[in-house]
Every structure is written in C-alpha cells, then in structure tokens.
Protein backbone atom coordinates (compact mmCIF):
# COMPACT_ATOMS: atom_id res chain seq x y z
CA MET A 1 41.48 -18.69 -19.25
CA ASN A 2 39.54 -15.73 -17.81
CA GLN A 3 37.24 -15.85 -14.82
CA GLU A 4 34.06 -16.06 -16.90
CA GLN A 5 35.37 -19.19 -18.62
CA LEU A 6 36.56 -20.74 -15.36
CA ASN A 7 33.38 -20.20 -13.33
CA ASP A 8 30.11 -21.28 -14.94
CA ILE A 9 27.87 -20.82 -11.89
CA THR A 10 27.89 -17.98 -9.35
CA PHE A 11 26.33 -18.21 -5.90
CA VAL A 12 25.51 -15.11 -3.91
CA ILE A 13 25.73 -15.88 -0.19
CA PRO A 14 24.47 -13.25 2.30
CA CYS A 15 26.28 -13.13 5.65
CA TYR A 16 25.30 -11.31 8.81
CA ASN A 17 27.33 -12.00 11.96
CA GLU A 18 28.45 -15.41 10.72
CA GLU A 19 31.95 -15.33 12.24
CA PHE A 20 31.40 -18.46 14.33
CA ARG A 21 28.78 -20.21 12.16
CA LEU A 22 30.62 -20.14 8.86
CA ASP A 23 32.04 -23.60 8.10
CA VAL A 24 35.23 -22.35 6.47
CA ASP A 25 36.71 -25.85 6.07
CA ASN A 26 33.60 -26.96 4.19
CA TYR A 27 33.89 -24.00 1.85
CA LYS A 28 37.58 -24.69 1.27
CA THR A 29 36.93 -28.34 0.40
CA SER A 30 34.08 -27.57 -1.99
CA LEU A 31 35.96 -24.78 -3.78
CA THR A 32 39.06 -26.94 -4.12
CA ASN A 33 37.06 -29.83 -5.56
CA ASN A 34 35.01 -27.75 -8.00
CA ALA A 35 36.73 -24.92 -9.86
CA SER A 36 33.48 -24.17 -11.74
CA ILE A 37 31.93 -22.55 -8.67
CA PHE A 38 32.26 -18.83 -7.96
CA ILE A 39 31.00 -17.31 -4.71
CA LEU A 40 30.12 -13.70 -4.04
CA PHE A 41 29.80 -13.28 -0.28
CA VAL A 42 27.73 -10.27 0.76
CA ASN A 43 28.68 -9.01 4.20
CA ASP A 44 25.43 -7.46 5.36
CA GLY A 45 26.79 -4.88 7.79
CA SER A 46 28.04 -7.48 10.29
CA SER A 47 29.10 -6.18 13.70
CA ASP A 48 31.44 -9.10 14.41
CA ASN A 49 34.52 -10.36 12.54
CA THR A 50 32.60 -11.83 9.59
CA LEU A 51 34.13 -9.48 7.03
CA HIS A 52 37.68 -10.54 7.92
CA VAL A 53 36.76 -14.23 7.74
CA LEU A 54 35.31 -13.70 4.27
CA GLU A 55 38.26 -11.64 3.08
CA ASP A 56 40.68 -14.34 4.26
CA LEU A 57 38.73 -16.91 2.23
CA ALA A 58 38.85 -14.64 -0.81
CA LYS A 59 42.62 -14.37 -0.48
CA LEU A 60 42.91 -18.17 -0.54
CA PHE A 61 40.65 -18.49 -3.60
CA PRO A 62 41.07 -15.22 -5.54
CA ARG A 63 39.63 -16.71 -8.76
CA GLN A 64 36.60 -18.22 -7.06
CA VAL A 65 35.63 -15.92 -4.19
CA ALA A 66 34.79 -12.22 -3.93
CA VAL A 67 33.31 -10.13 -1.14
CA LEU A 68 30.77 -7.31 -1.39
CA ASN A 69 30.71 -5.30 1.83
CA LEU A 70 27.52 -3.45 2.77
CA LYS A 71 28.27 -0.79 5.35
CA SER A 72 24.98 -1.24 7.21
CA ASN A 73 22.61 -4.16 7.74
CA LYS A 74 19.99 -4.28 4.97
CA GLY A 75 18.37 -7.65 5.65
CA LYS A 76 18.59 -10.86 3.67
CA ALA A 77 16.40 -9.75 0.76
CA GLU A 78 18.39 -6.62 -0.02
CA ALA A 79 21.72 -8.35 0.64
CA VAL A 80 20.92 -11.03 -1.94
CA ARG A 81 19.49 -8.50 -4.39
CA SER A 82 22.55 -6.24 -4.04
CA GLY A 83 24.85 -9.19 -4.61
CA VAL A 84 23.02 -10.43 -7.68
CA MET A 85 22.84 -7.00 -9.32
CA HIS A 86 26.46 -6.24 -8.46
CA HIS A 87 27.69 -9.47 -10.01
CA LEU A 88 25.56 -9.08 -13.12
CA SER A 89 26.98 -5.61 -13.69
CA THR A 90 30.61 -6.63 -13.12
CA HIS A 91 30.42 -10.01 -14.91
CA PRO A 92 28.19 -9.46 -17.97
CA THR A 93 28.99 -12.89 -19.45
CA VAL A 94 27.62 -14.87 -16.49
CA SER A 95 24.89 -17.26 -17.63
CA ILE A 96 23.56 -18.74 -14.37
CA ILE A 97 23.45 -17.11 -10.95
CA GLY A 98 21.84 -18.24 -7.72
CA TYR A 99 21.92 -17.91 -3.98
CA LEU A 100 22.52 -20.17 -0.98
CA ASP A 101 22.43 -19.77 2.78
CA ALA A 102 25.74 -19.10 4.53
CA ASP A 103 25.42 -22.14 6.80
CA LEU A 104 25.42 -24.42 3.71
CA ALA A 105 22.30 -26.24 4.83
CA THR A 106 22.21 -26.81 1.09
CA SER A 107 25.76 -27.66 0.07
CA LEU A 108 27.62 -26.03 -2.79
CA GLU A 109 27.56 -29.40 -4.55
CA GLU A 110 23.76 -29.59 -4.31
CA GLY A 111 23.56 -26.00 -5.50
CA TYR A 112 25.68 -26.90 -8.50
CA SER A 113 23.26 -29.74 -9.26
CA LEU A 114 20.48 -27.16 -9.64
CA SER A 115 22.43 -25.39 -12.37
CA SER A 116 23.16 -28.70 -14.10
CA VAL A 117 19.43 -29.45 -14.22
CA MET A 118 18.77 -26.03 -15.75
CA ARG A 119 21.30 -26.63 -18.51
CA GLU A 120 19.62 -29.89 -19.48
CA LYS A 121 16.40 -28.16 -20.54
CA GLU A 122 16.53 -24.95 -22.57
CA SER A 123 13.11 -23.71 -21.43
CA LEU A 124 14.13 -23.61 -17.76
CA LYS A 125 14.93 -20.17 -16.37
CA PHE A 126 14.47 -20.91 -12.67
CA VAL A 127 15.29 -24.03 -10.63
CA PHE A 128 14.59 -24.00 -6.92
CA ALA A 129 15.46 -26.56 -4.27
CA SER A 130 12.85 -28.39 -2.26
CA ARG A 131 13.20 -30.08 1.13
CA ILE A 132 11.04 -33.10 0.36
CA SER A 133 11.85 -36.06 2.56
CA LYS A 134 11.93 -39.17 0.40
CA VAL A 135 13.55 -42.60 0.30
CA GLY A 136 17.28 -42.16 -0.24
CA SER A 137 17.40 -38.52 0.88
CA THR A 138 18.70 -36.97 4.10
CA ILE A 139 16.51 -34.05 5.09
CA SER A 140 17.28 -33.09 8.68
CA ARG A 141 14.82 -30.52 9.94
CA LYS A 142 13.45 -29.79 13.40
CA THR A 143 9.84 -30.98 13.73
CA TYR A 144 8.41 -27.61 14.78
CA ARG A 145 10.12 -25.86 11.87
CA HIS A 146 8.78 -28.46 9.47
CA LEU A 147 5.20 -28.08 10.75
CA ILE A 148 5.30 -24.28 10.66
CA GLY A 149 6.89 -24.48 7.23
CA ARG A 150 4.06 -26.63 5.88
CA VAL A 151 1.44 -24.12 7.09
CA ILE A 152 3.34 -21.25 5.48
CA ALA A 153 3.90 -23.21 2.27
CA THR A 154 0.17 -23.96 1.97
CA LEU A 155 -0.68 -20.26 2.37
CA ILE A 156 1.90 -19.28 -0.21
CA SER A 157 0.71 -21.87 -2.72
CA ASN A 158 -2.83 -20.56 -2.43
CA ILE A 159 -1.78 -16.94 -2.86
CA LEU A 160 0.38 -17.73 -5.88
CA LYS A 161 -2.11 -20.30 -7.17
CA LEU A 162 0.88 -22.46 -7.86
CA ARG A 163 1.30 -26.07 -6.79
CA VAL A 164 4.71 -25.80 -5.15
CA TYR A 165 5.93 -27.70 -2.09
CA ASP A 166 8.69 -25.43 -0.83
CA THR A 167 9.18 -21.80 -1.86
CA GLN A 168 11.35 -20.95 1.15
CA CYS A 169 14.34 -23.25 0.78
CA GLY A 170 17.36 -20.96 0.49
CA ALA A 171 18.79 -22.51 -2.66
CA LYS A 172 17.73 -21.17 -6.04
CA VAL A 173 19.36 -20.60 -9.44
CA PHE A 174 18.31 -18.31 -12.28
CA SER A 175 19.20 -17.64 -15.87
CA LYS A 176 20.91 -14.29 -16.34
CA GLU A 177 17.86 -12.98 -18.19
CA LEU A 178 15.47 -13.85 -15.36
CA ALA A 179 17.84 -12.64 -12.64
CA GLU A 180 18.04 -9.20 -14.28
CA PHE A 181 14.25 -9.00 -14.16
CA ALA A 182 13.58 -10.65 -10.78
CA PHE A 183 16.17 -8.71 -8.79
CA GLU A 184 15.98 -5.30 -10.48
CA LYS A 185 13.74 -3.69 -7.87
CA PRO A 186 13.79 -3.90 -4.04
CA PHE A 187 11.54 -6.47 -2.38
CA ILE A 188 8.62 -5.83 -0.04
CA SER A 189 9.70 -8.25 2.66
CA LYS A 190 13.15 -8.84 4.20
CA TRP A 191 12.47 -12.57 4.52
CA LEU A 192 9.68 -13.52 2.09
CA PHE A 193 11.45 -12.20 -0.99
CA ASP A 194 11.44 -15.76 -2.36
CA VAL A 195 7.66 -15.52 -2.64
CA GLU A 196 7.92 -12.19 -4.42
CA ILE A 197 10.29 -13.71 -6.98
CA PHE A 198 7.57 -16.19 -7.91
CA ALA A 199 5.01 -13.37 -7.90
CA ARG A 200 7.11 -11.26 -10.26
CA MET A 201 7.45 -14.14 -12.70
CA LEU A 202 3.77 -15.07 -12.59
CA SER A 203 2.75 -11.42 -13.03
CA LYS A 204 4.43 -11.48 -16.45
CA PRO A 205 2.70 -14.42 -18.17
CA GLU A 206 3.78 -13.09 -21.55
CA LEU A 207 7.40 -13.68 -20.48
CA TYR A 208 7.37 -16.48 -17.90
CA SER A 209 5.19 -19.40 -16.91
CA GLU A 210 5.28 -22.59 -14.85
CA ASN A 211 7.07 -24.19 -17.81
CA ASN A 212 10.10 -22.00 -17.10
CA MET A 213 10.51 -23.20 -13.50
CA LEU A 214 11.30 -26.50 -11.85
CA GLU A 215 11.17 -27.65 -8.23
CA TYR A 216 14.16 -29.91 -7.54
CA PRO A 217 14.12 -32.25 -4.48
CA LEU A 218 17.41 -32.17 -2.61
CA ASP A 219 19.30 -35.31 -1.68
CA LYS A 220 20.63 -33.68 1.48
CA TRP A 221 19.64 -30.71 3.61
CA ILE A 222 20.81 -30.16 7.19
CA ASP A 223 19.05 -27.76 9.56
CA HIS A 224 21.46 -25.56 11.53
CA ASP A 225 20.83 -23.51 14.64
CA GLY A 226 21.31 -19.76 14.66
CA SER A 227 18.59 -18.59 12.28
CA LYS A 228 18.38 -14.80 12.04
CA VAL A 229 14.57 -14.96 11.68
CA LYS A 230 12.91 -14.22 15.03
CA TRP A 231 9.87 -16.30 15.99
CA THR A 232 7.85 -13.08 16.33
CA TYR A 233 8.13 -12.62 12.56
CA PHE A 234 5.54 -15.41 12.22
CA PHE A 235 2.84 -12.81 12.98
CA LYS A 236 4.23 -10.20 10.58
CA LEU A 237 4.53 -12.87 7.90
CA PHE A 238 0.80 -12.70 7.16
CA ILE A 239 1.02 -8.95 6.64
CA ASP A 240 3.92 -9.39 4.21
CA LEU A 241 2.02 -12.05 2.28
CA TYR A 242 -1.00 -9.75 2.06
CA ARG A 243 1.18 -6.88 0.82
CA ILE A 244 2.68 -9.10 -1.86
CA LYS A 245 -0.79 -10.21 -2.96
CA LEU A 246 -1.90 -6.58 -3.23
CA LYS A 247 1.17 -5.51 -5.18
CA TYR A 248 0.71 -8.16 -7.87
CA PRO A 249 -2.98 -8.08 -8.86
CA LYS A 250 -2.43 -10.53 -11.72
CA LEU A 251 -2.02 -13.25 -9.10
CA ARG A 252 -5.70 -12.88 -8.26
CA SER A 253 -6.70 -13.41 -11.88
CA ARG A 254 -4.64 -16.57 -12.30
CA LYS A 255 -6.52 -19.82 -12.77
CA GLU A 256 -6.76 -22.14 -9.80
CA MET A 257 -3.99 -24.71 -9.34
CA LEU A 258 -4.34 -27.86 -11.40
C-alpha cells in the first residue's frame, strides 16, 4: 500500500514559533487513531525549536507526517500556499487537501469530517468550517474576539456579496482541482487570504459558484491564547479588504446576497 492509498486527506499546518504551543500528545493520539490523515507541517522560519519538534513527530509517523522548512518567515498566507503547492506537486494523486491551525482549535477529527462531507456530494469543491454556537456544540471563544469577528464577518460578506457566517475559521478543505487554482498565485494579505480564496472562486463564475461550496458548523472549537495576529492589524485589515475588492472587480458586479 503506497502513501497515496493510505492517506486520503492531507492537512497543511503552518507553524511559526510553536515550540511550546504545539500539543504533540494530541497530534500523536489523532494520528494513531486515524491512519487516513496526512499532515504537512510548514515551518515558517521559526526562531525557536519548532523545526526540531516537527521533525521528531515526522520520525514517529513517517507515513503520515512530513515537514516543509521555509528558511525565513513568510507569514501565514504564504506558508499555507507554499505547503499546498508543494504537496500537490509531490503527491499528484491527492484528491482532497486542506489546512488547519497549529493549535488544533479545530481538531484533526473535525477537519476529517469536512472532507467526509465533501465526498458525500460530487458538486462540492470547497468545505469550510464555521464557529456557529448551537445546541449540542462546544464553541469556546473569548467574547471580545467573537464581537470583533462578527464585525469583520459582516464586512466580508458585504464585499463578497455572499451570505457566509464565518470566512476566517482556520479549517478548510478543497478538491485538488480547486486547490491548484486557488493557491497558484501569492495572496494580497498575510492574514485575510481566506477572503481572497472566496474572491478568486467568485471571480470565475464560469468555473465555480456558491453551489460548489458549503459552510459546515463545527461541533467543537476551542480558542487558544498565543495568536500571532497583533491587535494593531485590525486597522490594516480594512486596507487589505479594500485591496482585495479592487483586485477582483467581478465582485462588484455580483448580484446582492439572497
């Protein structure tokens, strides 16, 4: 059995100075319990011991874990993009690829659920997680982050003209075909690249539409301290959103949200 047959979903996980935040035991348990998962860790030019932690994990799970080492810090957007494109080029038979945050706020098991949902419906090319608090779910998020997130989400929905609750949850999966298109070129923003993925899809209505995407409410999401996004980015965020809107003029010609 070769690696492509063993692993039917690949997650790219960007890591920058995660030596003390990485829950190695959690990763070990999830990988042991689910041989279908493959992880490509992208060390984004960390200045601490992150690379060695990742390499030790790869040695324990050589058929399920690989490490891509970027010599300098590129930012989350480019780290994810580099990882996706690297894996697509080295594993041409991969069918579904996605990304998660290193702190596993969204667990590997929840991430795998996203890929299972995609397989159930042939038209789906993109399934993205949503932190919707509902009966039966455990969504643990600091109040101030939730409130800021709702403001940002409303702005994004209006720019994209797409009725979506949560574009910024760091758990998304793509068909190989869409991943090749969505990650081919560098992104405008280091942190709002999720928005640009939607923009790229919606700017090609002859290829992709809302029917090819699905927002999937998570059962569990746990907020962790240590975010690499500085609070000052909140002000630059509006500039990045404006730049994305300018770059994809077809967004302005889209019909209003239903």
